[in-house]
Amino acid sequence: MNVFQFRERLVGECGQFTRSFTRIKTNDIATCVDTAYASQRYWPTPLVQVNSNFKSGHSVEELVGEGGHHPECARIFRASKSAASPGVSLRPFKHQEKAISFAQTVSSYVLTTGTGSVKSLAYFIPIVDAILKARVGELAPRTRAIFMCPMNALANSQLAELGKFLGGYGDHPPVTVGRYTDQEHDEERQRLAANRPDILLTNFMMLQLLMTRQDDKDKAVIRNARGLRFLVLDELHAYRGRQAADVALPVLRVRELTYTAHDLQHWAADLGYSGPYFAWDPDRRARLYGLTRDELRYTLDPADVMGGDYFSETFRVLKNNDISHFGEYRTRRLVHDAWDQLAAGGA
């Protein structure tokens, strides 16, 4: 298809359609209208875009042959796989290959490239490779990577993409993947808590809830990630205000909940912490999962902590209804009283 000829035909047909509703008999008006249409004033000029041509690197088979990757990666990362064909080995771009080498040296990195550059492959490969290597001689499964997505749509997309690579293994894939968002039913959450997926897909709000709610399933999912190796912030944006806090707080909690041994020192440093590792202490974890009283106050009514002119609100309708019916924010008082009773009882 010649795009320029297509554009001319499209403009011509649109012009005929828009002029078909009126028949102009006066010559001077017809001439004026013809001149306006001929000037192209009603049609945008052609927009020509050229996709970036990224430089190719080594194929996954070649990377495996060089001895740096687990042999199973050569079978997993193939394009056009089917029951009748093993497909062809993927060939990462140079920027992906460089990112993969960073990940293998336990170095954190930020990858910024244009749309269509398949950035996800730059962390799929090293994470799957690390999981395959860690599983050799280690029988107890655990979650080694968490993908923190800004929204469910991206988590769903990544789940489908990983499913393409890990398909063909039946009920025993070499790497397991689980999604824990607000889309899963209770049975699926129970399964994830019990079976410990190698890779956990979630969003930043659900990750925060996983680490703060006093739910046995949530706490089990986080316990499964003890000694976490990878934390992926997919589509990292320049967040501000409340959303920035929503993204930052889970990262800080993940750091403390997973930095439990000396060999994760580089991981902790990448997350901005240079102190000693956090010894595994169930009581400490129980406190970390929960909220402080000030955090609870902020959750119920930010103005109660930040002052009456604070811009953020949480339960506005509930607060206004309470004040209208009871003359006070009764729900806040009752929740605070319940919290104080639990604290006094050592809960």
C-alpha atoms as a PDB file:
ATOM      1  CA  MET A   1       0.000   0.000   0.000  1.00  0.00           C
ATOM      2  CA  ASN A   2       1.235   3.462  -0.916  1.00  0.00           C
ATOM      3  CA  VAL A   3       0.358   5.557   2.144  1.00  0.00           C
ATOM      4  CA  PHE A   4       0.504   8.831   0.231  1.00  0.00           C
ATOM      5  CA  GLN A   5      -1.922   7.637  -2.431  1.00  0.00           C
ATOM      6  CA  PHE A   6      -4.150   6.289   0.329  1.00  0.00           C
ATOM      7  CA  ARG A   7      -4.121   9.683   2.020  1.00  0.00           C
ATOM      8  CA  GLU A   8      -5.068  11.474  -1.201  1.00  0.00           C
ATOM      9  CA  ARG A   9      -7.953   9.056  -1.816  1.00  0.00           C
ATOM     10  CA  LEU A  10      -9.161   9.415   1.770  1.00  0.00           C
ATOM     11  CA  VAL A  11      -9.078  13.228   1.599  1.00  0.00           C
ATOM     12  CA  GLY A  12     -10.884  13.181  -1.743  1.00  0.00           C
ATOM     13  CA  GLU A  13     -13.664  10.933  -0.471  1.00  0.00           C
ATOM     14  CA  CYS A  14     -14.053  12.978   2.712  1.00  0.00           C
ATOM     15  CA  GLY A  15     -14.260  16.151   0.616  1.00  0.00           C
ATOM     16  CA  GLN A  16     -16.976  14.674  -1.586  1.00  0.00           C
ATOM     17  CA  PHE A  17     -18.921  13.543   1.478  1.00  0.00           C
ATOM     18  CA  THR A  18     -18.782  16.903   3.276  1.00  0.00           C
ATOM     19  CA  ARG A  19     -19.891  18.751   0.122  1.00  0.00           C
ATOM     20  CA  SER A  20     -22.668  16.335  -0.750  1.00  0.00           C
ATOM     21  CA  PHE A  21     -25.199  17.958   1.562  1.00  0.00           C
ATOM     22  CA  THR A  22     -25.300  21.306  -0.283  1.00  0.00           C
ATOM     23  CA  ARG A  23     -25.518  22.217  -3.973  1.00  0.00           C
ATOM     24  CA  ILE A  24     -24.084  25.677  -4.601  1.00  0.00           C
ATOM     25  CA  LYS A  25     -25.527  27.408  -7.692  1.00  0.00           C
ATOM     26  CA  THR A  26     -23.948  30.850  -7.256  1.00  0.00           C
ATOM     27  CA  ASN A  27     -20.645  30.938  -9.126  1.00  0.00           C
ATOM     28  CA  ASP A  28     -18.765  33.302  -6.804  1.00  0.00           C
ATOM     29  CA  ILE A  29     -19.680  31.249  -3.699  1.00  0.00           C
ATOM     30  CA  ALA A  30     -18.831  27.978  -5.454  1.00  0.00           C
ATOM     31  CA  THR A  31     -15.469  29.410  -6.499  1.00  0.00           C
ATOM     32  CA  CYS A  32     -14.750  30.507  -2.924  1.00  0.00           C
ATOM     33  CA  VAL A  33     -15.624  27.054  -1.534  1.00  0.00           C
ATOM     34  CA  ASP A  34     -13.582  25.285  -4.239  1.00  0.00           C
ATOM     35  CA  THR A  35     -10.590  27.474  -3.410  1.00  0.00           C
ATOM     36  CA  ALA A  36     -10.921  26.720   0.311  1.00  0.00           C
ATOM     37  CA  TYR A  37     -11.033  22.958  -0.289  1.00  0.00           C
ATOM     38  CA  ALA A  38      -8.131  23.128  -2.753  1.00  0.00           C
ATOM     39  CA  SER A  39      -6.011  24.949  -0.154  1.00  0.00           C
ATOM     40  CA  GLN A  40      -6.178  21.838   2.084  1.00  0.00           C
ATOM     41  CA  ARG A  41      -7.190  24.000   5.023  1.00  0.00           C
ATOM     42  CA  TYR A  42      -9.668  21.376   6.236  1.00  0.00           C
ATOM     43  CA  TRP A  43      -7.228  18.465   6.172  1.00  0.00           C
ATOM     44  CA  PRO A  44      -4.155  17.966   8.379  1.00  0.00           C
ATOM     45  CA  THR A  45      -0.837  17.643   6.615  1.00  0.00           C
ATOM     46  CA  PRO A  46       0.593  14.109   6.401  1.00  0.00           C
ATOM     47  CA  LEU A  47       2.407  12.904   9.517  1.00  0.00           C
ATOM     48  CA  VAL A  48       5.344  10.633   8.793  1.00  0.00           C
ATOM     49  CA  GLN A  49       6.917   8.710  11.683  1.00  0.00           C
ATOM     50  CA  VAL A  50       9.880   6.376  11.530  1.00  0.00           C
ATOM     51  CA  ASN A  51      10.319   3.645  14.136  1.00  0.00           C
ATOM     52  CA  SER A  52      13.716   3.408  15.771  1.00  0.00           C
ATOM     53  CA  ASN A  53      15.922   0.636  14.457  1.00  0.00           C
ATOM     54  CA  PHE A  54      17.527  -0.900  17.532  1.00  0.00           C
ATOM     55  CA  LYS A  55      20.813  -2.710  17.136  1.00  0.00           C
ATOM     56  CA  SER A  56      20.600  -6.480  17.645  1.00  0.00           C
ATOM     57  CA  GLY A  57      22.767  -8.374  20.114  1.00  0.00           C
ATOM     58  CA  HIS A  58      23.417 -12.065  20.675  1.00  0.00           C
ATOM     59  CA  SER A  59      20.620 -14.611  20.591  1.00  0.00           C
ATOM     60  CA  VAL A  60      19.574 -16.281  23.836  1.00  0.00           C
ATOM     61  CA  GLU A  61      21.026 -19.544  22.495  1.00  0.00           C
ATOM     62  CA  GLU A  62      24.362 -17.792  21.977  1.00  0.00           C
ATOM     63  CA  LEU A  63      24.240 -16.313  25.494  1.00  0.00           C
ATOM     64  CA  VAL A  64      23.595 -19.802  26.882  1.00  0.00           C
ATOM     65  CA  GLY A  65      26.441 -21.192  24.788  1.00  0.00           C
ATOM     66  CA  GLU A  66      28.826 -18.644  26.285  1.00  0.00           C
ATOM     67  CA  GLY A  67      28.103 -20.174  29.689  1.00  0.00           C
ATOM     68  CA  GLY A  68      26.456 -17.196  31.365  1.00  0.00           C
ATOM     69  CA  HIS A  69      22.866 -18.437  31.373  1.00  0.00           C
ATOM     70  CA  HIS A  70      21.016 -21.545  32.451  1.00  0.00           C
ATOM     71  CA  PRO A  71      20.526 -23.969  29.509  1.00  0.00           C
ATOM     72  CA  GLU A  72      16.750 -23.965  29.928  1.00  0.00           C
ATOM     73  CA  CYS A  73      16.663 -20.282  28.947  1.00  0.00           C
ATOM     74  CA  ALA A  74      17.403 -21.348  25.377  1.00  0.00           C
ATOM     75  CA  ARG A  75      14.175 -23.362  25.322  1.00  0.00           C
ATOM     76  CA  ILE A  76      12.053 -20.787  27.122  1.00  0.00           C
ATOM     77  CA  PHE A  77      12.910 -17.620  25.224  1.00  0.00           C
ATOM     78  CA  ARG A  78      11.907 -18.493  21.679  1.00  0.00           C
ATOM     79  CA  ALA A  79       9.589 -16.816  19.202  1.00  0.00           C
ATOM     80  CA  SER A  80       6.812 -18.504  17.213  1.00  0.00           C
ATOM     81  CA  LYS A  81       6.697 -21.567  19.451  1.00  0.00           C
ATOM     82  CA  SER A  82       3.978 -24.128  18.834  1.00  0.00           C
ATOM     83  CA  ALA A  83       3.222 -27.792  19.459  1.00  0.00           C
ATOM     84  CA  ALA A  84       4.719 -28.606  16.064  1.00  0.00           C
ATOM     85  CA  SER A  85       7.725 -26.276  16.174  1.00  0.00           C
ATOM     86  CA  PRO A  86      10.208 -25.199  18.855  1.00  0.00           C
ATOM     87  CA  GLY A  87      10.373 -21.753  17.282  1.00  0.00           C
ATOM     88  CA  VAL A  88      13.475 -19.619  16.878  1.00  0.00           C
ATOM     89  CA  SER A  89      15.752 -18.239  19.556  1.00  0.00           C
ATOM     90  CA  LEU A  90      15.023 -14.664  20.566  1.00  0.00           C
ATOM     91  CA  ARG A  91      17.720 -12.145  19.764  1.00  0.00           C
ATOM     92  CA  PRO A  92      17.700  -9.306  22.322  1.00  0.00           C
ATOM     93  CA  PHE A  93      18.626  -5.807  21.284  1.00  0.00           C
ATOM     94  CA  LYS A  94      21.947  -4.400  22.445  1.00  0.00           C
ATOM     95  CA  HIS A  95      20.312  -2.271  25.154  1.00  0.00           C
ATOM     96  CA  GLN A  96      18.495  -5.348  26.459  1.00  0.00           C
ATOM     97  CA  GLU A  97      21.679  -7.412  26.475  1.00  0.00           C
ATOM     98  CA  LYS A  98      23.491  -4.699  28.423  1.00  0.00           C
ATOM     99  CA  ALA A  99      20.657  -4.529  30.974  1.00  0.00           C
ATOM    100  CA  ILE A 100      20.748  -8.336  31.319  1.00  0.00           C
ATOM    101  CA  SER A 101      24.469  -8.207  32.116  1.00  0.00           C
ATOM    102  CA  PHE A 102      23.824  -5.556  34.791  1.00  0.00           C
ATOM    103  CA  ALA A 103      21.186  -7.741  36.412  1.00  0.00           C
ATOM    104  CA  GLN A 104      23.522 -10.738  36.464  1.00  0.00           C
ATOM    105  CA  THR A 105      26.059  -8.754  38.467  1.00  0.00           C
ATOM    106  CA  VAL A 106      23.368  -7.937  41.063  1.00  0.00           C
ATOM    107  CA  SER A 107      23.364  -4.312  39.920  1.00  0.00           C
ATOM    108  CA  SER A 108      20.265  -2.191  39.780  1.00  0.00           C
ATOM    109  CA  TYR A 109      19.530  -0.279  36.620  1.00  0.00           C
ATOM    110  CA  VAL A 110      17.003   2.008  34.978  1.00  0.00           C
ATOM    111  CA  LEU A 111      16.151   1.223  31.361  1.00  0.00           C
ATOM    112  CA  THR A 112      14.639   4.063  29.316  1.00  0.00           C
ATOM    113  CA  THR A 113      14.004   3.390  25.646  1.00  0.00           C
ATOM    114  CA  GLY A 114      11.221   4.155  23.217  1.00  0.00           C
ATOM    115  CA  THR A 115       7.948   2.372  22.630  1.00  0.00           C
ATOM    116  CA  GLY A 116       8.364  -0.972  20.904  1.00  0.00           C
ATOM    117  CA  SER A 117      11.835  -1.650  22.311  1.00  0.00           C
ATOM    118  CA  VAL A 118      10.563  -4.608  24.392  1.00  0.00           C
ATOM    119  CA  LYS A 119      11.969  -3.365  27.688  1.00  0.00           C
ATOM    120  CA  SER A 120      10.307  -6.201  29.610  1.00  0.00           C
ATOM    121  CA  LEU A 121      12.600  -8.758  27.993  1.00  0.00           C
ATOM    122  CA  ALA A 122      15.547  -6.994  29.647  1.00  0.00           C
ATOM    123  CA  TYR A 123      14.359  -8.223  33.038  1.00  0.00           C
ATOM    124  CA  PHE A 124      12.432 -11.351  32.048  1.00  0.00           C
ATOM    125  CA  ILE A 125      15.604 -13.100  30.917  1.00  0.00           C
ATOM    126  CA  PRO A 126      17.885 -12.387  33.922  1.00  0.00           C
ATOM    127  CA  ILE A 127      15.113 -13.079  36.432  1.00  0.00           C
ATOM    128  CA  VAL A 128      14.136 -16.407  34.878  1.00  0.00           C
ATOM    129  CA  ASP A 129      17.826 -17.298  34.575  1.00  0.00           C
ATOM    130  CA  ALA A 130      18.484 -16.489  38.250  1.00  0.00           C
ATOM    131  CA  ILE A 131      15.447 -18.511  39.363  1.00  0.00           C
ATOM    132  CA  LEU A 132      16.506 -21.550  37.320  1.00  0.00           C
ATOM    133  CA  LYS A 133      20.015 -21.419  38.791  1.00  0.00           C
ATOM    134  CA  ALA A 134      18.731 -20.931  42.343  1.00  0.00           C
ATOM    135  CA  ARG A 135      16.433 -23.915  42.035  1.00  0.00           C
ATOM    136  CA  VAL A 136      19.345 -26.272  41.430  1.00  0.00           C
ATOM    137  CA  GLY A 137      19.743 -28.170  44.689  1.00  0.00           C
ATOM    138  CA  GLU A 138      17.144 -26.049  46.506  1.00  0.00           C
ATOM    139  CA  LEU A 139      13.890 -27.891  47.090  1.00  0.00           C
ATOM    140  CA  ALA A 140      11.899 -25.272  48.995  1.00  0.00           C
ATOM    141  CA  PRO A 141      10.290 -22.795  46.549  1.00  0.00           C
ATOM    142  CA  ARG A 142      10.028 -19.111  47.361  1.00  0.00           C
ATOM    143  CA  THR A 143       9.238 -15.837  45.642  1.00  0.00           C
ATOM    144  CA  ARG A 144      12.421 -14.308  44.237  1.00  0.00           C
ATOM    145  CA  ALA A 145      10.973 -11.495  42.129  1.00  0.00           C
ATOM    146  CA  ILE A 146       8.130  -9.012  42.540  1.00  0.00           C
ATOM    147  CA  PHE A 147       6.890  -6.967  39.593  1.00  0.00           C
ATOM    148  CA  MET A 148       5.272  -3.776  40.896  1.00  0.00           C
ATOM    149  CA  CYS A 149       3.067  -2.346  38.142  1.00  0.00           C
ATOM    150  CA  PRO A 150       1.238   1.005  38.187  1.00  0.00           C
ATOM    151  CA  MET A 151      -2.085  -0.650  37.325  1.00  0.00           C
ATOM    152  CA  ASN A 152      -3.736  -4.015  36.798  1.00  0.00           C
ATOM    153  CA  ALA A 153      -3.735  -3.740  33.007  1.00  0.00           C
ATOM    154  CA  LEU A 154       0.048  -3.904  32.876  1.00  0.00           C
ATOM    155  CA  ALA A 155       0.175  -6.771  35.382  1.00  0.00           C
ATOM    156  CA  ASN A 156      -2.293  -8.675  33.184  1.00  0.00           C
ATOM    157  CA  SER A 157      -0.209  -7.966  30.096  1.00  0.00           C
ATOM    158  CA  GLN A 158       2.990  -9.171  31.752  1.00  0.00           C
ATOM    159  CA  LEU A 159       1.250 -12.314  32.988  1.00  0.00           C
ATOM    160  CA  ALA A 160       0.142 -13.117  29.443  1.00  0.00           C
ATOM    161  CA  GLU A 161       3.604 -12.404  28.030  1.00  0.00           C
ATOM    162  CA  LEU A 162       5.343 -14.635  30.559  1.00  0.00           C
ATOM    163  CA  GLY A 163       2.735 -17.300  29.826  1.00  0.00           C
ATOM    164  CA  LYS A 164       3.824 -17.346  26.178  1.00  0.00           C
ATOM    165  CA  PHE A 165       7.421 -18.072  27.140  1.00  0.00           C
ATOM    166  CA  LEU A 166       6.618 -20.580  29.866  1.00  0.00           C
ATOM    167  CA  GLY A 167       3.941 -22.431  27.940  1.00  0.00           C
ATOM    168  CA  GLY A 168       4.516 -25.967  26.704  1.00  0.00           C
ATOM    169  CA  TYR A 169       5.557 -27.390  30.073  1.00  0.00           C
ATOM    170  CA  GLY A 170       2.120 -28.588  31.144  1.00  0.00           C
ATOM    171  CA  ASP A 171       1.488 -28.517  34.888  1.00  0.00           C
ATOM    172  CA  HIS A 172       5.187 -28.320  35.763  1.00  0.00           C
ATOM    173  CA  PRO A 173       6.691 -25.108  34.352  1.00  0.00           C
ATOM    174  CA  PRO A 174      10.328 -24.470  35.275  1.00  0.00           C
ATOM    175  CA  VAL A 175       9.365 -21.044  36.649  1.00  0.00           C
ATOM    176  CA  THR A 176       6.011 -20.257  38.262  1.00  0.00           C
ATOM    177  CA  VAL A 177       4.207 -16.928  38.058  1.00  0.00           C
ATOM    178  CA  GLY A 178       1.349 -15.591  40.198  1.00  0.00           C
ATOM    179  CA  ARG A 179      -0.746 -12.445  40.065  1.00  0.00           C
ATOM    180  CA  TYR A 180      -2.001 -10.900  43.319  1.00  0.00           C
ATOM    181  CA  THR A 181      -4.265  -7.907  42.659  1.00  0.00           C
ATOM    182  CA  ASP A 182      -7.861  -7.040  43.444  1.00  0.00           C
ATOM    183  CA  GLN A 183      -8.931  -9.289  40.553  1.00  0.00           C
ATOM    184  CA  GLU A 184      -8.203 -12.612  42.279  1.00  0.00           C
ATOM    185  CA  HIS A 185     -10.822 -14.548  44.213  1.00  0.00           C
ATOM    186  CA  ASP A 186     -10.135 -15.883  47.689  1.00  0.00           C
ATOM    187  CA  GLU A 187      -9.341 -19.385  46.407  1.00  0.00           C
ATOM    188  CA  GLU A 188      -6.669 -18.059  44.052  1.00  0.00           C
ATOM    189  CA  ARG A 189      -5.120 -15.997  46.856  1.00  0.00           C
ATOM    190  CA  GLN A 190      -5.070 -19.057  49.096  1.00  0.00           C
ATOM    191  CA  ARG A 191      -3.286 -20.971  46.334  1.00  0.00           C
ATOM    192  CA  LEU A 192      -0.665 -18.243  45.903  1.00  0.00           C
ATOM    193  CA  ALA A 193      -0.055 -18.101  49.654  1.00  0.00           C
ATOM    194  CA  ALA A 194       0.440 -21.876  49.820  1.00  0.00           C
ATOM    195  CA  ASN A 195       2.352 -22.546  46.592  1.00  0.00           C
ATOM    196  CA  ARG A 196       4.916 -19.708  46.570  1.00  0.00           C
ATOM    197  CA  PRO A 197       5.247 -18.511  42.963  1.00  0.00           C
ATOM    198  CA  ASP A 198       8.761 -17.669  41.785  1.00  0.00           C
ATOM    199  CA  ILE A 199       7.512 -14.379  40.316  1.00  0.00           C
ATOM    200  CA  LEU A 200       4.732 -12.293  41.854  1.00  0.00           C
ATOM    201  CA  LEU A 201       2.877  -9.698  39.768  1.00  0.00           C
ATOM    202  CA  THR A 202       1.021  -6.966  41.631  1.00  0.00           C
ATOM    203  CA  ASN A 203       0.429  -3.216  41.720  1.00  0.00           C
ATOM    204  CA  PHE A 204       1.894  -0.764  44.215  1.00  0.00           C
ATOM    205  CA  MET A 205      -1.351  -0.319  46.141  1.00  0.00           C
ATOM    206  CA  MET A 206      -1.881  -4.061  46.563  1.00  0.00           C
ATOM    207  CA  LEU A 207       1.761  -4.534  47.577  1.00  0.00           C
ATOM    208  CA  GLN A 208       1.250  -1.963  50.308  1.00  0.00           C
ATOM    209  CA  LEU A 209      -1.867  -3.813  51.485  1.00  0.00           C
ATOM    210  CA  LEU A 210      -0.022  -7.127  51.436  1.00  0.00           C
ATOM    211  CA  MET A 211       2.473  -5.705  53.925  1.00  0.00           C
ATOM    212  CA  THR A 212       0.018  -3.909  56.203  1.00  0.00           C
ATOM    213  CA  ARG A 213      -3.186  -5.955  56.411  1.00  0.00           C
ATOM    214  CA  GLN A 214      -3.493  -8.478  59.214  1.00  0.00           C
ATOM    215  CA  ASP A 215      -4.705 -11.206  56.878  1.00  0.00           C
ATOM    216  CA  ASP A 216      -3.077 -14.636  57.079  1.00  0.00           C
ATOM    217  CA  LYS A 217      -2.957 -14.986  53.289  1.00  0.00           C
ATOM    218  CA  ASP A 218      -1.281 -11.601  52.853  1.00  0.00           C
ATOM    219  CA  LYS A 219       1.295 -12.314  55.525  1.00  0.00           C
ATOM    220  CA  ALA A 220       2.041 -15.722  53.981  1.00  0.00           C
ATOM    221  CA  VAL A 221       2.627 -14.139  50.562  1.00  0.00           C
ATOM    222  CA  ILE A 222       5.146 -11.708  52.067  1.00  0.00           C
ATOM    223  CA  ARG A 223       6.851 -14.453  54.126  1.00  0.00           C
ATOM    224  CA  ASN A 224       7.292 -16.364  50.867  1.00  0.00           C
ATOM    225  CA  ALA A 225       9.376 -13.460  49.545  1.00  0.00           C
ATOM    226  CA  ARG A 226      11.966 -13.645  52.314  1.00  0.00           C
ATOM    227  CA  GLY A 227      15.364 -13.057  50.700  1.00  0.00           C
ATOM    228  CA  LEU A 228      13.807 -11.379  47.655  1.00  0.00           C
ATOM    229  CA  ARG A 229      16.271 -11.010  44.780  1.00  0.00           C
ATOM    230  CA  PHE A 230      14.466  -8.726  42.309  1.00  0.00           C
ATOM    231  CA  LEU A 231      12.041  -5.825  42.678  1.00  0.00           C
ATOM    232  CA  VAL A 232      10.883  -4.532  39.286  1.00  0.00           C
ATOM    233  CA  LEU A 233       9.155  -1.161  39.039  1.00  0.00           C
ATOM    234  CA  ASP A 234       7.519  -1.474  35.657  1.00  0.00           C
ATOM    235  CA  GLU A 235       6.840   1.868  33.979  1.00  0.00           C
ATOM    236  CA  LEU A 236       8.529   4.010  36.612  1.00  0.00           C
ATOM    237  CA  HIS A 237       7.248   7.569  36.345  1.00  0.00           C
ATOM    238  CA  ALA A 238       8.199  10.813  38.086  1.00  0.00           C
ATOM    239  CA  TYR A 239       5.548  10.650  40.794  1.00  0.00           C
ATOM    240  CA  ARG A 240       4.586  13.536  43.050  1.00  0.00           C
ATOM    241  CA  GLY A 241       2.508  14.014  46.166  1.00  0.00           C
ATOM    242  CA  ARG A 242       0.319  11.199  47.408  1.00  0.00           C
ATOM    243  CA  GLN A 243       1.077   8.897  44.468  1.00  0.00           C
ATOM    244  CA  ALA A 244       4.809   9.287  45.102  1.00  0.00           C
ATOM    245  CA  ALA A 245       4.242   8.178  48.698  1.00  0.00           C
ATOM    246  CA  ASP A 246       2.105   5.266  47.508  1.00  0.00           C
ATOM    247  CA  VAL A 247       5.034   4.037  45.403  1.00  0.00           C
ATOM    248  CA  ALA A 248       7.820   4.836  47.886  1.00  0.00           C
ATOM    249  CA  LEU A 249       6.275   3.269  50.991  1.00  0.00           C
ATOM    250  CA  PRO A 250       6.023  -0.279  49.586  1.00  0.00           C
ATOM    251  CA  VAL A 251       9.676  -0.119  48.507  1.00  0.00           C
ATOM    252  CA  LEU A 252      10.765   0.803  52.054  1.00  0.00           C
ATOM    253  CA  ARG A 253       8.667  -1.968  53.572  1.00  0.00           C
ATOM    254  CA  VAL A 254       9.916  -4.527  51.043  1.00  0.00           C
ATOM    255  CA  ARG A 255      13.478  -3.579  51.952  1.00  0.00           C
ATOM    256  CA  GLU A 256      13.019  -4.356  55.623  1.00  0.00           C
ATOM    257  CA  LEU A 257      10.913  -7.452  55.057  1.00  0.00           C
ATOM    258  CA  THR A 258      13.454  -9.010  52.679  1.00  0.00           C
ATOM    259  CA  TYR A 259      16.911  -7.769  53.742  1.00  0.00           C
ATOM    260  CA  THR A 260      17.505 -10.585  56.209  1.00  0.00           C
ATOM    261  CA  ALA A 261      21.008 -11.775  55.272  1.00  0.00           C
ATOM    262  CA  HIS A 262      24.449 -10.335  54.425  1.00  0.00           C
ATOM    263  CA  ASP A 263      24.329 -11.537  50.812  1.00  0.00           C
ATOM    264  CA  LEU A 264      21.551  -9.020  50.109  1.00  0.00           C
ATOM    265  CA  GLN A 265      23.694  -6.047  51.124  1.00  0.00           C
ATOM    266  CA  HIS A 266      23.945  -4.703  47.561  1.00  0.00           C
ATOM    267  CA  TRP A 267      20.180  -5.004  47.200  1.00  0.00           C
ATOM    268  CA  ALA A 268      19.616  -2.935  50.350  1.00  0.00           C
ATOM    269  CA  ALA A 269      22.159  -0.334  49.219  1.00  0.00           C
ATOM    270  CA  ASP A 270      20.321   0.064  45.924  1.00  0.00           C
ATOM    271  CA  LEU A 271      17.208   0.824  47.953  1.00  0.00           C
ATOM    272  CA  GLY A 272      19.045   3.518  49.934  1.00  0.00           C
ATOM    273  CA  TYR A 273      19.934   1.601  53.100  1.00  0.00           C
ATOM    274  CA  SER A 274      23.485   1.121  54.394  1.00  0.00           C
ATOM    275  CA  GLY A 275      22.793  -0.279  57.868  1.00  0.00           C
ATOM    276  CA  PRO A 276      22.922  -3.875  59.128  1.00  0.00           C
ATOM    277  CA  TYR A 277      20.526  -6.480  57.819  1.00  0.00           C
ATOM    278  CA  PHE A 278      17.250  -7.063  59.640  1.00  0.00           C
ATOM    279  CA  ALA A 279      17.359 -10.301  61.608  1.00  0.00           C
ATOM    280  CA  TRP A 280      14.265 -12.393  61.101  1.00  0.00           C
ATOM    281  CA  ASP A 281      11.981 -11.553  64.016  1.00  0.00           C
ATOM    282  CA  PRO A 282       8.332 -12.672  63.798  1.00  0.00           C
ATOM    283  CA  ASP A 283       7.260 -10.142  66.421  1.00  0.00           C
ATOM    284  CA  ARG A 284       8.962  -7.333  64.540  1.00  0.00           C
ATOM    285  CA  ARG A 285       7.320  -8.500  61.320  1.00  0.00           C
ATOM    286  CA  ALA A 286       3.936  -8.453  63.018  1.00  0.00           C
ATOM    287  CA  ARG A 287       4.479  -4.832  64.031  1.00  0.00           C
ATOM    288  CA  LEU A 288       5.791  -3.918  60.606  1.00  0.00           C
ATOM    289  CA  TYR A 289       2.734  -5.359  58.934  1.00  0.00           C
ATOM    290  CA  GLY A 290       0.487  -3.124  61.013  1.00  0.00           C
ATOM    291  CA  LEU A 291      -0.036   0.622  61.230  1.00  0.00           C
ATOM    292  CA  THR A 292       1.127   3.036  63.898  1.00  0.00           C
ATOM    293  CA  ARG A 293      -1.536   5.123  65.555  1.00  0.00           C
ATOM    294  CA  ASP A 294      -0.498   8.210  63.597  1.00  0.00           C
ATOM    295  CA  GLU A 295      -0.649   6.231  60.350  1.00  0.00           C
ATOM    296  CA  LEU A 296      -4.138   5.083  61.304  1.00  0.00           C
ATOM    297  CA  ARG A 297      -5.120   8.663  62.100  1.00  0.00           C
ATOM    298  CA  TYR A 298      -3.836   9.799  58.710  1.00  0.00           C
ATOM    299  CA  THR A 299      -5.709   7.006  56.921  1.00  0.00           C
ATOM    300  CA  LEU A 300      -9.019   7.944  58.538  1.00  0.00           C
ATOM    301  CA  ASP A 301      -8.563  11.711  58.235  1.00  0.00           C
ATOM    302  CA  PRO A 302      -5.331  13.296  56.880  1.00  0.00           C
ATOM    303  CA  ALA A 303      -6.348  16.678  58.315  1.00  0.00           C
ATOM    304  CA  ASP A 304      -6.265  15.147  61.814  1.00  0.00           C
ATOM    305  CA  VAL A 305      -2.495  14.756  61.403  1.00  0.00           C
ATOM    306  CA  MET A 306      -1.529  17.444  58.903  1.00  0.00           C
ATOM    307  CA  GLY A 307      -3.851  20.255  60.013  1.00  0.00           C
ATOM    308  CA  GLY A 308      -7.289  21.499  59.053  1.00  0.00           C
ATOM    309  CA  ASP A 309      -6.148  23.182  55.814  1.00  0.00           C
ATOM    310  CA  TYR A 310      -4.495  20.016  54.463  1.00  0.00           C
ATOM    311  CA  PHE A 311      -5.494  19.420  50.822  1.00  0.00           C
ATOM    312  CA  SER A 312      -5.993  15.635  50.941  1.00  0.00           C
ATOM    313  CA  GLU A 313      -9.113  13.769  52.103  1.00  0.00           C
ATOM    314  CA  THR A 314      -9.983  10.092  52.428  1.00  0.00           C
ATOM    315  CA  PHE A 315     -13.477   9.316  53.752  1.00  0.00           C
ATOM    316  CA  ARG A 316     -15.199  12.639  53.105  1.00  0.00           C
ATOM    317  CA  VAL A 317     -18.753  11.285  52.756  1.00  0.00           C
ATOM    318  CA  LEU A 318     -18.419   9.100  55.855  1.00  0.00           C
ATOM    319  CA  LYS A 319     -16.985  11.975  57.869  1.00  0.00           C
ATOM    320  CA  ASN A 320     -19.684  14.443  56.781  1.00  0.00           C
ATOM    321  CA  ASN A 321     -22.472  11.943  57.475  1.00  0.00           C
ATOM    322  CA  ASP A 322     -21.099  11.202  60.940  1.00  0.00           C
ATOM    323  CA  ILE A 323     -20.858  14.899  61.800  1.00  0.00           C
ATOM    324  CA  SER A 324     -24.366  15.494  60.423  1.00  0.00           C
ATOM    325  CA  HIS A 325     -25.952  12.650  62.411  1.00  0.00           C
ATOM    326  CA  PHE A 326     -23.794  12.481  65.556  1.00  0.00           C
ATOM    327  CA  GLY A 327     -22.115  15.855  65.808  1.00  0.00           C
ATOM    328  CA  GLU A 328     -18.662  14.240  65.542  1.00  0.00           C
ATOM    329  CA  TYR A 329     -16.587  11.983  63.279  1.00  0.00           C
ATOM    330  CA  ARG A 330     -17.835   9.000  65.266  1.00  0.00           C
ATOM    331  CA  THR A 331     -16.261   6.297  63.081  1.00  0.00           C
ATOM    332  CA  ARG A 332     -12.797   7.796  63.634  1.00  0.00           C
ATOM    333  CA  ARG A 333     -13.297   7.828  67.407  1.00  0.00           C
ATOM    334  CA  LEU A 334     -14.538   4.221  67.479  1.00  0.00           C
ATOM    335  CA  VAL A 335     -11.641   2.956  65.369  1.00  0.00           C
ATOM    336  CA  HIS A 336      -9.131   4.825  67.551  1.00  0.00           C
ATOM    337  CA  ASP A 337     -10.716   3.341  70.686  1.00  0.00           C
ATOM    338  CA  ALA A 338     -10.489  -0.174  69.212  1.00  0.00           C
ATOM    339  CA  TRP A 339      -6.843   0.383  68.273  1.00  0.00           C
ATOM    340  CA  ASP A 340      -6.009   1.607  71.781  1.00  0.00           C
ATOM    341  CA  GLN A 341      -7.686  -1.452  73.326  1.00  0.00           C
ATOM    342  CA  LEU A 342      -5.681  -3.797  71.084  1.00  0.00           C
ATOM    343  CA  ALA A 343      -2.458  -1.954  71.891  1.00  0.00           C
ATOM    344  CA  ALA A 344      -3.150  -2.085  75.619  1.00  0.00           C
ATOM    345  CA  GLY A 345      -3.794  -5.830  75.381  1.00  0.00           C
ATOM    346  CA  GLY A 346      -0.479  -6.475  73.607  1.00  0.00           C
ATOM    347  CA  ALA A 347      -2.130  -7.422  70.293  1.00  0.00           C
END
